[in-house]
Amino acid sequence: MDKEKVIDVISMLGYFVFAYFSIEFFSINKYDWMMEAGDTVCSIPHQSLSNRTFQAALAALFLITPLLIALLRNIYIRNRYRSWFYAVGILWVAAYGGWVFFGRFAMC
């Protein structure tokens, strides 16, 4: 495997860790302090959907925009490997963010 590809994989894994902690931070519910051991998100009051939507949009702005810029740049210079790499990154961040902000509350 090429040294450049290894660096790309390591940097994307680092970005996934950063995105994970950022999404967890942005998705904090104002009632999370009420959760006790063994509780689920269904056992606490819910925030309004407009607040969750604003939080999700703000997280997406900060986390997806750099990946989108890198994707468009690599599409322009026709680097297929990195284009797929950044497309998968965008899908992962969007899917995980959608689950954290909306999906887990839909189960209640």
PDB file of N, CA and C in Angstrom:
ATOM      1  N   MET A   1       0.842  -1.178   0.000  1.00  0.00           N
ATOM      2  CA  MET A   1       0.000   0.000   0.000  1.00  0.00           C
ATOM      3  C   MET A   1       0.890   1.246   0.000  1.00  0.00           C
ATOM      4  N   ASP A   2       0.491   2.219  -0.727  1.00  0.00           N
ATOM      5  CA  ASP A   2       1.229   3.454  -0.885  1.00  0.00           C
ATOM      6  C   ASP A   2       1.217   4.261   0.414  1.00  0.00           C
ATOM      7  N   LYS A   3       2.323   4.934   0.710  1.00  0.00           N
ATOM      8  CA  LYS A   3       2.437   5.733   1.931  1.00  0.00           C
ATOM      9  C   LYS A   3       1.375   6.830   1.970  1.00  0.00           C
ATOM     10  N   GLU A   4       1.068   7.418   0.836  1.00  0.00           N
ATOM     11  CA  GLU A   4       0.059   8.480   0.758  1.00  0.00           C
ATOM     12  C   GLU A   4      -1.329   7.958   1.119  1.00  0.00           C
ATOM     13  N   LYS A   5      -1.652   6.738   0.695  1.00  0.00           N
ATOM     14  CA  LYS A   5      -2.948   6.144   1.013  1.00  0.00           C
ATOM     15  C   LYS A   5      -3.059   5.813   2.494  1.00  0.00           C
ATOM     16  N   VAL A   6      -1.970   5.372   3.095  1.00  0.00           N
ATOM     17  CA  VAL A   6      -1.970   5.094   4.533  1.00  0.00           C
ATOM     18  C   VAL A   6      -2.219   6.380   5.310  1.00  0.00           C
ATOM     19  N   ILE A   7      -1.602   7.458   4.894  1.00  0.00           N
ATOM     20  CA  ILE A   7      -1.811   8.750   5.550  1.00  0.00           C
ATOM     21  C   ILE A   7      -3.257   9.194   5.379  1.00  0.00           C
ATOM     22  N   ASP A   8      -3.841   8.961   4.209  1.00  0.00           N
ATOM     23  CA  ASP A   8      -5.251   9.296   3.987  1.00  0.00           C
ATOM     24  C   ASP A   8      -6.166   8.512   4.923  1.00  0.00           C
ATOM     25  N   VAL A   9      -5.908   7.228   5.082  1.00  0.00           N
ATOM     26  CA  VAL A   9      -6.737   6.393   5.951  1.00  0.00           C
ATOM     27  C   VAL A   9      -6.612   6.848   7.399  1.00  0.00           C
ATOM     28  N   ILE A  10      -5.405   7.109   7.851  1.00  0.00           N
ATOM     29  CA  ILE A  10      -5.192   7.552   9.229  1.00  0.00           C
ATOM     30  C   ILE A  10      -5.850   8.910   9.471  1.00  0.00           C
ATOM     31  N   SER A  11      -5.738   9.813   8.517  1.00  0.00           N
ATOM     32  CA  SER A  11      -6.350  11.127   8.695  1.00  0.00           C
ATOM     33  C   SER A  11      -7.874  11.034   8.693  1.00  0.00           C
ATOM     34  N   MET A  12      -8.454  10.158   7.873  1.00  0.00           N
ATOM     35  CA  MET A  12      -9.910  10.004   7.875  1.00  0.00           C
ATOM     36  C   MET A  12     -10.382   9.354   9.166  1.00  0.00           C
ATOM     37  N   LEU A  13      -9.644   8.390   9.686  1.00  0.00           N
ATOM     38  CA  LEU A  13     -10.001   7.800  10.972  1.00  0.00           C
ATOM     39  C   LEU A  13      -9.938   8.845  12.086  1.00  0.00           C
ATOM     40  N   GLY A  14      -8.931   9.699  12.037  1.00  0.00           N
ATOM     41  CA  GLY A  14      -8.851  10.796  13.001  1.00  0.00           C
ATOM     42  C   GLY A  14     -10.022  11.750  12.869  1.00  0.00           C
ATOM     43  N   TYR A  15     -10.442  12.008  11.626  1.00  0.00           N
ATOM     44  CA  TYR A  15     -11.590  12.884  11.414  1.00  0.00           C
ATOM     45  C   TYR A  15     -12.864  12.227  11.924  1.00  0.00           C
ATOM     46  N   PHE A  16     -13.000  10.913  11.752  1.00  0.00           N
ATOM     47  CA  PHE A  16     -14.172  10.201  12.270  1.00  0.00           C
ATOM     48  C   PHE A  16     -14.232  10.297  13.794  1.00  0.00           C
ATOM     49  N   VAL A  17     -13.098  10.178  14.465  1.00  0.00           N
ATOM     50  CA  VAL A  17     -13.066  10.316  15.925  1.00  0.00           C
ATOM     51  C   VAL A  17     -13.474  11.732  16.318  1.00  0.00           C
ATOM     52  N   PHE A  18     -12.924  12.719  15.627  1.00  0.00           N
ATOM     53  CA  PHE A  18     -13.299  14.116  15.887  1.00  0.00           C
ATOM     54  C   PHE A  18     -14.787  14.330  15.644  1.00  0.00           C
ATOM     55  N   ALA A  19     -15.315  13.803  14.546  1.00  0.00           N
ATOM     56  CA  ALA A  19     -16.736  13.960  14.217  1.00  0.00           C
ATOM     57  C   ALA A  19     -17.610  13.260  15.243  1.00  0.00           C
ATOM     58  N   TYR A  20     -17.199  12.092  15.713  1.00  0.00           N
ATOM     59  CA  TYR A  20     -17.962  11.366  16.723  1.00  0.00           C
ATOM     60  C   TYR A  20     -18.119  12.203  17.987  1.00  0.00           C
ATOM     61  N   PHE A  21     -17.015  12.718  18.496  1.00  0.00           N
ATOM     62  CA  PHE A  21     -17.088  13.518  19.724  1.00  0.00           C
ATOM     63  C   PHE A  21     -17.824  14.837  19.497  1.00  0.00           C
ATOM     64  N   SER A  22     -17.673  15.423  18.330  1.00  0.00           N
ATOM     65  CA  SER A  22     -18.391  16.668  18.028  1.00  0.00           C
ATOM     66  C   SER A  22     -19.893  16.440  17.940  1.00  0.00           C
ATOM     67  N   ILE A  23     -20.305  15.367  17.295  1.00  0.00           N
ATOM     68  CA  ILE A  23     -21.732  15.064  17.195  1.00  0.00           C
ATOM     69  C   ILE A  23     -22.303  14.771  18.578  1.00  0.00           C
ATOM     70  N   GLU A  24     -21.564  14.042  19.389  1.00  0.00           N
ATOM     71  CA  GLU A  24     -22.025  13.774  20.747  1.00  0.00           C
ATOM     72  C   GLU A  24     -22.161  15.080  21.534  1.00  0.00           C
ATOM     73  N   PHE A  25     -21.246  16.004  21.340  1.00  0.00           N
ATOM     74  CA  PHE A  25     -21.321  17.291  22.030  1.00  0.00           C
ATOM     75  C   PHE A  25     -22.504  18.120  21.540  1.00  0.00           C
ATOM     76  N   PHE A  26     -22.676  18.206  20.206  1.00  0.00           N
ATOM     77  CA  PHE A  26     -23.756  19.014  19.643  1.00  0.00           C
ATOM     78  C   PHE A  26     -25.133  18.431  19.945  1.00  0.00           C
ATOM     79  N   SER A  27     -25.227  17.124  20.186  1.00  0.00           N
ATOM     80  CA  SER A  27     -26.528  16.489  20.366  1.00  0.00           C
ATOM     81  C   SER A  27     -26.964  16.418  21.822  1.00  0.00           C
ATOM     82  N   ILE A  28     -26.272  17.091  22.693  1.00  0.00           N
ATOM     83  CA  ILE A  28     -26.633  17.037  24.110  1.00  0.00           C
ATOM     84  C   ILE A  28     -28.036  17.596  24.298  1.00  0.00           C
ATOM     85  N   ASN A  29     -28.873  16.799  24.929  1.00  0.00           N
ATOM     86  CA  ASN A  29     -30.238  17.180  25.248  1.00  0.00           C
ATOM     87  C   ASN A  29     -30.210  17.945  26.567  1.00  0.00           C
ATOM     88  N   LYS A  30     -31.020  18.970  26.697  1.00  0.00           N
ATOM     89  CA  LYS A  30     -30.991  19.752  27.931  1.00  0.00           C
ATOM     90  C   LYS A  30     -31.505  18.959  29.126  1.00  0.00           C
ATOM     91  N   TYR A  31     -32.089  17.785  28.885  1.00  0.00           N
ATOM     92  CA  TYR A  31     -32.566  16.937  29.970  1.00  0.00           C
ATOM     93  C   TYR A  31     -31.676  15.726  30.211  1.00  0.00           C
ATOM     94  N   ASP A  32     -30.517  15.667  29.591  1.00  0.00           N
ATOM     95  CA  ASP A  32     -29.623  14.517  29.768  1.00  0.00           C
ATOM     96  C   ASP A  32     -29.175  14.345  31.214  1.00  0.00           C
ATOM     97  N   TRP A  33     -29.151  15.395  31.960  1.00  0.00           N
ATOM     98  CA  TRP A  33     -28.727  15.298  33.356  1.00  0.00           C
ATOM     99  C   TRP A  33     -29.724  14.473  34.181  1.00  0.00           C
ATOM    100  N   MET A  34     -30.931  14.263  33.679  1.00  0.00           N
ATOM    101  CA  MET A  34     -31.942  13.496  34.400  1.00  0.00           C
ATOM    102  C   MET A  34     -31.758  11.984  34.261  1.00  0.00           C
ATOM    103  N   MET A  35     -30.940  11.565  33.324  1.00  0.00           N
ATOM    104  CA  MET A  35     -30.751  10.125  33.096  1.00  0.00           C
ATOM    105  C   MET A  35     -29.954   9.507  34.236  1.00  0.00           C
ATOM    106  N   GLU A  36     -30.446   8.362  34.693  1.00  0.00           N
ATOM    107  CA  GLU A  36     -29.742   7.590  35.702  1.00  0.00           C
ATOM    108  C   GLU A  36     -29.242   6.300  35.067  1.00  0.00           C
ATOM    109  N   ALA A  37     -28.499   5.544  35.800  1.00  0.00           N
ATOM    110  CA  ALA A  37     -27.957   4.291  35.271  1.00  0.00           C
ATOM    111  C   ALA A  37     -29.103   3.374  34.838  1.00  0.00           C
ATOM    112  N   GLY A  38     -29.013   2.862  33.634  1.00  0.00           N
ATOM    113  CA  GLY A  38     -30.035   1.963  33.119  1.00  0.00           C
ATOM    114  C   GLY A  38     -31.156   2.658  32.367  1.00  0.00           C
ATOM    115  N   ASP A  39     -31.226   3.984  32.404  1.00  0.00           N
ATOM    116  CA  ASP A  39     -32.257   4.726  31.676  1.00  0.00           C
ATOM    117  C   ASP A  39     -31.904   4.807  30.197  1.00  0.00           C
ATOM    118  N   THR A  40     -32.914   5.044  29.380  1.00  0.00           N
ATOM    119  CA  THR A  40     -32.713   5.271  27.956  1.00  0.00           C
ATOM    120  C   THR A  40     -33.161   6.690  27.638  1.00  0.00           C
ATOM    121  N   VAL A  41     -32.993   7.113  26.393  1.00  0.00           N
ATOM    122  CA  VAL A  41     -33.426   8.455  26.010  1.00  0.00           C
ATOM    123  C   VAL A  41     -34.940   8.582  26.048  1.00  0.00           C
ATOM    124  N   CYS A  42     -35.644   7.453  26.073  1.00  0.00           N
ATOM    125  CA  CYS A  42     -37.112   7.490  26.135  1.00  0.00           C
ATOM    126  C   CYS A  42     -37.619   7.832  27.534  1.00  0.00           C
ATOM    127  N   SER A  43     -36.758   7.729  28.548  1.00  0.00           N
ATOM    128  CA  SER A  43     -37.211   7.970  29.913  1.00  0.00           C
ATOM    129  C   SER A  43     -37.052   9.426  30.350  1.00  0.00           C
ATOM    130  N   ILE A  44     -36.545  10.292  29.479  1.00  0.00           N
ATOM    131  CA  ILE A  44     -36.404  11.707  29.814  1.00  0.00           C
ATOM    132  C   ILE A  44     -37.283  12.537  28.882  1.00  0.00           C
ATOM    133  N   PRO A  45     -37.639  13.769  29.280  1.00  0.00           N
ATOM    134  CA  PRO A  45     -38.423  14.624  28.376  1.00  0.00           C
ATOM    135  C   PRO A  45     -37.638  14.928  27.102  1.00  0.00           C
ATOM    136  N   HIS A  46     -38.369  15.182  26.033  1.00  0.00           N
ATOM    137  CA  HIS A  46     -37.747  15.445  24.738  1.00  0.00           C
ATOM    138  C   HIS A  46     -37.688  16.939  24.463  1.00  0.00           C
ATOM    139  N   GLN A  47     -36.630  17.344  23.758  1.00  0.00           N
ATOM    140  CA  GLN A  47     -36.539  18.706  23.261  1.00  0.00           C
ATOM    141  C   GLN A  47     -37.441  18.841  22.051  1.00  0.00           C
ATOM    142  N   SER A  48     -37.797  20.072  21.729  1.00  0.00           N
ATOM    143  CA  SER A  48     -38.630  20.279  20.547  1.00  0.00           C
ATOM    144  C   SER A  48     -37.846  19.926  19.284  1.00  0.00           C
ATOM    145  N   LEU A  49     -38.583  19.576  18.253  1.00  0.00           N
ATOM    146  CA  LEU A  49     -37.957  19.179  16.991  1.00  0.00           C
ATOM    147  C   LEU A  49     -37.190  20.340  16.363  1.00  0.00           C
ATOM    148  N   SER A  50     -37.662  21.568  16.550  1.00  0.00           N
ATOM    149  CA  SER A  50     -36.959  22.714  15.962  1.00  0.00           C
ATOM    150  C   SER A  50     -35.583  22.888  16.600  1.00  0.00           C
ATOM    151  N   ASN A  51     -35.460  22.644  17.899  1.00  0.00           N
ATOM    152  CA  ASN A  51     -34.149  22.722  18.548  1.00  0.00           C
ATOM    153  C   ASN A  51     -33.212  21.636  18.035  1.00  0.00           C
ATOM    154  N   ARG A  52     -33.734  20.418  17.890  1.00  0.00           N
ATOM    155  CA  ARG A  52     -32.911  19.314  17.390  1.00  0.00           C
ATOM    156  C   ARG A  52     -32.476  19.574  15.950  1.00  0.00           C
ATOM    157  N   THR A  53     -33.385  20.129  15.150  1.00  0.00           N
ATOM    158  CA  THR A  53     -33.063  20.419  13.753  1.00  0.00           C
ATOM    159  C   THR A  53     -31.972  21.476  13.664  1.00  0.00           C
ATOM    160  N   PHE A  54     -32.060  22.511  14.499  1.00  0.00           N
ATOM    161  CA  PHE A  54     -31.034  23.553  14.510  1.00  0.00           C
ATOM    162  C   PHE A  54     -29.690  22.977  14.932  1.00  0.00           C
ATOM    163  N   GLN A  55     -29.678  22.135  15.957  1.00  0.00           N
ATOM    164  CA  GLN A  55     -28.439  21.515  16.408  1.00  0.00           C
ATOM    165  C   GLN A  55     -27.841  20.625  15.314  1.00  0.00           C
ATOM    166  N   ALA A  56     -28.688  19.871  14.634  1.00  0.00           N
ATOM    167  CA  ALA A  56     -28.210  18.988  13.565  1.00  0.00           C
ATOM    168  C   ALA A  56     -27.646  19.792  12.397  1.00  0.00           C
ATOM    169  N   ALA A  57     -28.321  20.883  12.040  1.00  0.00           N
ATOM    170  CA  ALA A  57     -27.835  21.712  10.935  1.00  0.00           C
ATOM    171  C   ALA A  57     -26.498  22.356  11.282  1.00  0.00           C
ATOM    172  N   LEU A  58     -26.347  22.804  12.509  1.00  0.00           N
ATOM    173  CA  LEU A  58     -25.092  23.412  12.938  1.00  0.00           C
ATOM    174  C   LEU A  58     -23.957  22.390  12.929  1.00  0.00           C
ATOM    175  N   ALA A  59     -24.229  21.198  13.417  1.00  0.00           N
ATOM    176  CA  ALA A  59     -23.213  20.140  13.402  1.00  0.00           C
ATOM    177  C   ALA A  59     -22.841  19.774  11.970  1.00  0.00           C
ATOM    178  N   ALA A  60     -23.838  19.673  11.096  1.00  0.00           N
ATOM    179  CA  ALA A  60     -23.569  19.334   9.697  1.00  0.00           C
ATOM    180  C   ALA A  60     -22.744  20.416   9.018  1.00  0.00           C
ATOM    181  N   LEU A  61     -23.034  21.662   9.319  1.00  0.00           N
ATOM    182  CA  LEU A  61     -22.272  22.759   8.725  1.00  0.00           C
ATOM    183  C   LEU A  61     -20.796  22.640   9.065  1.00  0.00           C
ATOM    184  N   PHE A  62     -20.499  22.367  10.319  1.00  0.00           N
ATOM    185  CA  PHE A  62     -19.102  22.301  10.739  1.00  0.00           C
ATOM    186  C   PHE A  62     -18.413  20.998  10.351  1.00  0.00           C
ATOM    187  N   LEU A  63     -19.151  19.899  10.261  1.00  0.00           N
ATOM    188  CA  LEU A  63     -18.510  18.612  10.047  1.00  0.00           C
ATOM    189  C   LEU A  63     -18.534  18.130   8.595  1.00  0.00           C
ATOM    190  N   ILE A  64     -19.575  18.471   7.853  1.00  0.00           N
ATOM    191  CA  ILE A  64     -19.674  17.981   6.479  1.00  0.00           C
ATOM    192  C   ILE A  64     -19.033  18.940   5.475  1.00  0.00           C
ATOM    193  N   THR A  65     -19.041  20.230   5.775  1.00  0.00           N
ATOM    194  CA  THR A  65     -18.494  21.210   4.837  1.00  0.00           C
ATOM    195  C   THR A  65     -17.035  20.935   4.449  1.00  0.00           C
ATOM    196  N   PRO A  66     -16.124  20.661   5.394  1.00  0.00           N
ATOM    197  CA  PRO A  66     -14.741  20.376   4.967  1.00  0.00           C
ATOM    198  C   PRO A  66     -14.637  19.136   4.076  1.00  0.00           C
ATOM    199  N   LEU A  67     -15.419  18.106   4.394  1.00  0.00           N
ATOM    200  CA  LEU A  67     -15.397  16.901   3.563  1.00  0.00           C
ATOM    201  C   LEU A  67     -15.980  17.176   2.181  1.00  0.00           C
ATOM    202  N   LEU A  68     -17.006  17.993   2.115  1.00  0.00           N
ATOM    203  CA  LEU A  68     -17.620  18.332   0.828  1.00  0.00           C
ATOM    204  C   LEU A  68     -16.658  19.138  -0.045  1.00  0.00           C
ATOM    205  N   ILE A  69     -15.958  20.079   0.556  1.00  0.00           N
ATOM    206  CA  ILE A  69     -14.968  20.861  -0.196  1.00  0.00           C
ATOM    207  C   ILE A  69     -13.863  19.951  -0.725  1.00  0.00           C
ATOM    208  N   ALA A  70     -13.377  19.038   0.123  1.00  0.00           N
ATOM    209  CA  ALA A  70     -12.335  18.107  -0.312  1.00  0.00           C
ATOM    210  C   ALA A  70     -12.858  17.170  -1.404  1.00  0.00           C
ATOM    211  N   LEU A  71     -14.118  16.739  -1.285  1.00  0.00           N
ATOM    212  CA  LEU A  71     -14.707  15.882  -2.315  1.00  0.00           C
ATOM    213  C   LEU A  71     -14.793  16.610  -3.647  1.00  0.00           C
ATOM    214  N   LEU A  72     -15.300  17.830  -3.640  1.00  0.00           N
ATOM    215  CA  LEU A  72     -15.420  18.585  -4.882  1.00  0.00           C
ATOM    216  C   LEU A  72     -14.055  18.863  -5.504  1.00  0.00           C
ATOM    217  N   ARG A  73     -13.064  19.134  -4.678  1.00  0.00           N
ATOM    218  CA  ARG A  73     -11.705  19.360  -5.181  1.00  0.00           C
ATOM    219  C   ARG A  73     -11.160  18.105  -5.856  1.00  0.00           C
ATOM    220  N   ASN A  74     -11.368  16.959  -5.229  1.00  0.00           N
ATOM    221  CA  ASN A  74     -10.851  15.718  -5.799  1.00  0.00           C
ATOM    222  C   ASN A  74     -11.638  15.265  -7.016  1.00  0.00           C
ATOM    223  N   ILE A  75     -12.911  15.600  -7.098  1.00  0.00           N
ATOM    224  CA  ILE A  75     -13.669  15.338  -8.321  1.00  0.00           C
ATOM    225  C   ILE A  75     -13.119  16.208  -9.443  1.00  0.00           C
ATOM    226  N   TYR A  76     -12.815  17.457  -9.124  1.00  0.00           N
ATOM    227  CA  TYR A  76     -12.292  18.382 -10.134  1.00  0.00           C
ATOM    228  C   TYR A  76     -10.943  17.917 -10.682  1.00  0.00           C
ATOM    229  N   ILE A  77     -10.058  17.443  -9.803  1.00  0.00           N
ATOM    230  CA  ILE A  77      -8.746  16.997 -10.270  1.00  0.00           C
ATOM    231  C   ILE A  77      -8.755  15.522 -10.686  1.00  0.00           C
ATOM    232  N   ARG A  78      -9.911  14.902 -10.640  1.00  0.00           N
ATOM    233  CA  ARG A  78     -10.137  13.528 -11.090  1.00  0.00           C
ATOM    234  C   ARG A  78      -9.309  12.499 -10.328  1.00  0.00           C
ATOM    235  N   ASN A  79      -9.294  12.644  -9.025  1.00  0.00           N
ATOM    236  CA  ASN A  79      -8.659  11.660  -8.160  1.00  0.00           C
ATOM    237  C   ASN A  79      -9.757  10.753  -7.618  1.00  0.00           C
ATOM    238  N   ARG A  80      -9.966   9.614  -8.262  1.00  0.00           N
ATOM    239  CA  ARG A  80     -11.096   8.737  -7.921  1.00  0.00           C
ATOM    240  C   ARG A  80     -10.972   8.131  -6.529  1.00  0.00           C
ATOM    241  N   TYR A  81      -9.783   7.741  -6.146  1.00  0.00           N
ATOM    242  CA  TYR A  81      -9.597   7.126  -4.820  1.00  0.00           C
ATOM    243  C   TYR A  81     -10.030   8.081  -3.720  1.00  0.00           C
ATOM    244  N   ARG A  82      -9.526   9.266  -3.733  1.00  0.00           N
ATOM    245  CA  ARG A  82      -9.880  10.222  -2.697  1.00  0.00           C
ATOM    246  C   ARG A  82     -11.325  10.685  -2.815  1.00  0.00           C
ATOM    247  N   SER A  83     -11.884  10.728  -4.005  1.00  0.00           N
ATOM    248  CA  SER A  83     -13.286  11.116  -4.166  1.00  0.00           C
ATOM    249  C   SER A  83     -14.193  10.121  -3.454  1.00  0.00           C
ATOM    250  N   TRP A  84     -13.946   8.830  -3.658  1.00  0.00           N
ATOM    251  CA  TRP A  84     -14.734   7.818  -2.961  1.00  0.00           C
ATOM    252  C   TRP A  84     -14.498   7.874  -1.461  1.00  0.00           C
ATOM    253  N   PHE A  85     -13.285   8.155  -1.093  1.00  0.00           N
ATOM    254  CA  PHE A  85     -12.906   8.239   0.308  1.00  0.00           C
ATOM    255  C   PHE A  85     -13.717   9.337   1.012  1.00  0.00           C
ATOM    256  N   TYR A  86     -13.763  10.516   0.433  1.00  0.00           N
ATOM    257  CA  TYR A  86     -14.499  11.625   1.037  1.00  0.00           C
ATOM    258  C   TYR A  86     -16.010  11.443   0.927  1.00  0.00           C
ATOM    259  N   ALA A  87     -16.477  10.784  -0.122  1.00  0.00           N
ATOM    260  CA  ALA A  87     -17.914  10.506  -0.246  1.00  0.00           C
ATOM    261  C   ALA A  87     -18.368   9.564   0.870  1.00  0.00           C
ATOM    262  N   VAL A  88     -17.583   8.545   1.155  1.00  0.00           N
ATOM    263  CA  VAL A  88     -17.902   7.637   2.260  1.00  0.00           C
ATOM    264  C   VAL A  88     -17.860   8.392   3.585  1.00  0.00           C
ATOM    265  N   GLY A  89     -16.917   9.298   3.744  1.00  0.00           N
ATOM    266  CA  GLY A  89     -16.849  10.108   4.961  1.00  0.00           C
ATOM    267  C   GLY A  89     -18.093  10.965   5.154  1.00  0.00           C
ATOM    268  N   ILE A  90     -18.562  11.580   4.078  1.00  0.00           N
ATOM    269  CA  ILE A  90     -19.773  12.399   4.154  1.00  0.00           C
ATOM    270  C   ILE A  90     -20.968  11.531   4.523  1.00  0.00           C
ATOM    271  N   LEU A  91     -21.091  10.372   3.896  1.00  0.00           N
ATOM    272  CA  LEU A  91     -22.205   9.472   4.208  1.00  0.00           C
ATOM    273  C   LEU A  91     -22.161   9.006   5.657  1.00  0.00           C
ATOM    274  N   TRP A  92     -20.976   8.676   6.164  1.00  0.00           N
ATOM    275  CA  TRP A  92     -20.860   8.220   7.539  1.00  0.00           C
ATOM    276  C   TRP A  92     -21.254   9.316   8.513  1.00  0.00           C
ATOM    277  N   VAL A  93     -20.739  10.527   8.322  1.00  0.00           N
ATOM    278  CA  VAL A  93     -21.060  11.633   9.228  1.00  0.00           C
ATOM    279  C   VAL A  93     -22.551  11.956   9.167  1.00  0.00           C
ATOM    280  N   ALA A  94     -23.134  11.962   7.971  1.00  0.00           N
ATOM    281  CA  ALA A  94     -24.566  12.254   7.832  1.00  0.00           C
ATOM    282  C   ALA A  94     -25.422  11.158   8.465  1.00  0.00           C
ATOM    283  N   ALA A  95     -25.062   9.905   8.257  1.00  0.00           N
ATOM    284  CA  ALA A  95     -25.844   8.800   8.819  1.00  0.00           C
ATOM    285  C   ALA A  95     -25.754   8.775  10.341  1.00  0.00           C
ATOM    286  N   TYR A  96     -24.557   8.910  10.877  1.00  0.00           N
ATOM    287  CA  TYR A  96     -24.409   8.888  12.326  1.00  0.00           C
ATOM    288  C   TYR A  96     -25.081  10.108  12.957  1.00  0.00           C
ATOM    289  N   GLY A  97     -24.925  11.268  12.347  1.00  0.00           N
ATOM    290  CA  GLY A  97     -25.589  12.467  12.863  1.00  0.00           C
ATOM    291  C   GLY A  97     -27.099  12.348  12.807  1.00  0.00           C
ATOM    292  N   GLY A  98     -27.625  11.793  11.733  1.00  0.00           N
ATOM    293  CA  GLY A  98     -29.071  11.587  11.632  1.00  0.00           C
ATOM    294  C   GLY A  98     -29.594  10.657  12.702  1.00  0.00           C
ATOM    295  N   TRP A  99     -28.826   9.601  12.993  1.00  0.00           N
ATOM    296  CA  TRP A  99     -29.238   8.673  14.038  1.00  0.00           C
ATOM    297  C   TRP A  99     -29.215   9.344  15.403  1.00  0.00           C
ATOM    298  N   VAL A 100     -28.143  10.049  15.701  1.00  0.00           N
ATOM    299  CA  VAL A 100     -28.009  10.650  17.026  1.00  0.00           C
ATOM    300  C   VAL A 100     -29.030  11.764  17.236  1.00  0.00           C
ATOM    301  N   PHE A 101     -29.254  12.590  16.226  1.00  0.00           N
ATOM    302  CA  PHE A 101     -30.155  13.724  16.394  1.00  0.00           C
ATOM    303  C   PHE A 101     -31.624  13.339  16.280  1.00  0.00           C
ATOM    304  N   PHE A 102     -31.946  12.376  15.422  1.00  0.00           N
ATOM    305  CA  PHE A 102     -33.356  12.084  15.163  1.00  0.00           C
ATOM    306  C   PHE A 102     -33.736  10.619  15.342  1.00  0.00           C
ATOM    307  N   GLY A 103     -32.905   9.707  14.905  1.00  0.00           N
ATOM    308  CA  GLY A 103     -33.246   8.291  14.870  1.00  0.00           C
ATOM    309  C   GLY A 103     -33.513   7.668  16.221  1.00  0.00           C
ATOM    310  N   ARG A 104     -32.674   7.919  17.182  1.00  0.00           N
ATOM    311  CA  ARG A 104     -32.859   7.275  18.485  1.00  0.00           C
ATOM    312  C   ARG A 104     -34.097   7.780  19.211  1.00  0.00           C
ATOM    313  N   PHE A 105     -34.561   8.987  18.872  1.00  0.00           N
ATOM    314  CA  PHE A 105     -35.779   9.509  19.492  1.00  0.00           C
ATOM    315  C   PHE A 105     -37.018   8.992  18.785  1.00  0.00           C
ATOM    316  N   ALA A 106     -36.890   8.540  17.547  1.00  0.00           N
ATOM    317  CA  ALA A 106     -38.036   8.005  16.811  1.00  0.00           C
ATOM    318  C   ALA A 106     -38.465   6.664  17.363  1.00  0.00           C
ATOM    319  N   MET A 107     -37.583   5.977  18.075  1.00  0.00           N
ATOM    320  CA  MET A 107     -37.901   4.668  18.652  1.00  0.00           C
ATOM    321  C   MET A 107     -38.812   4.761  19.872  1.00  0.00           C
ATOM    322  N   CYS A 108     -38.924   5.936  20.465  1.00  0.00           N
ATOM    323  CA  CYS A 108     -39.721   6.083  21.704  1.00  0.00           C
ATOM    324  C   CYS A 108     -41.205   6.081  21.438  1.00  0.00           C
TER     325      CYS A 108
END
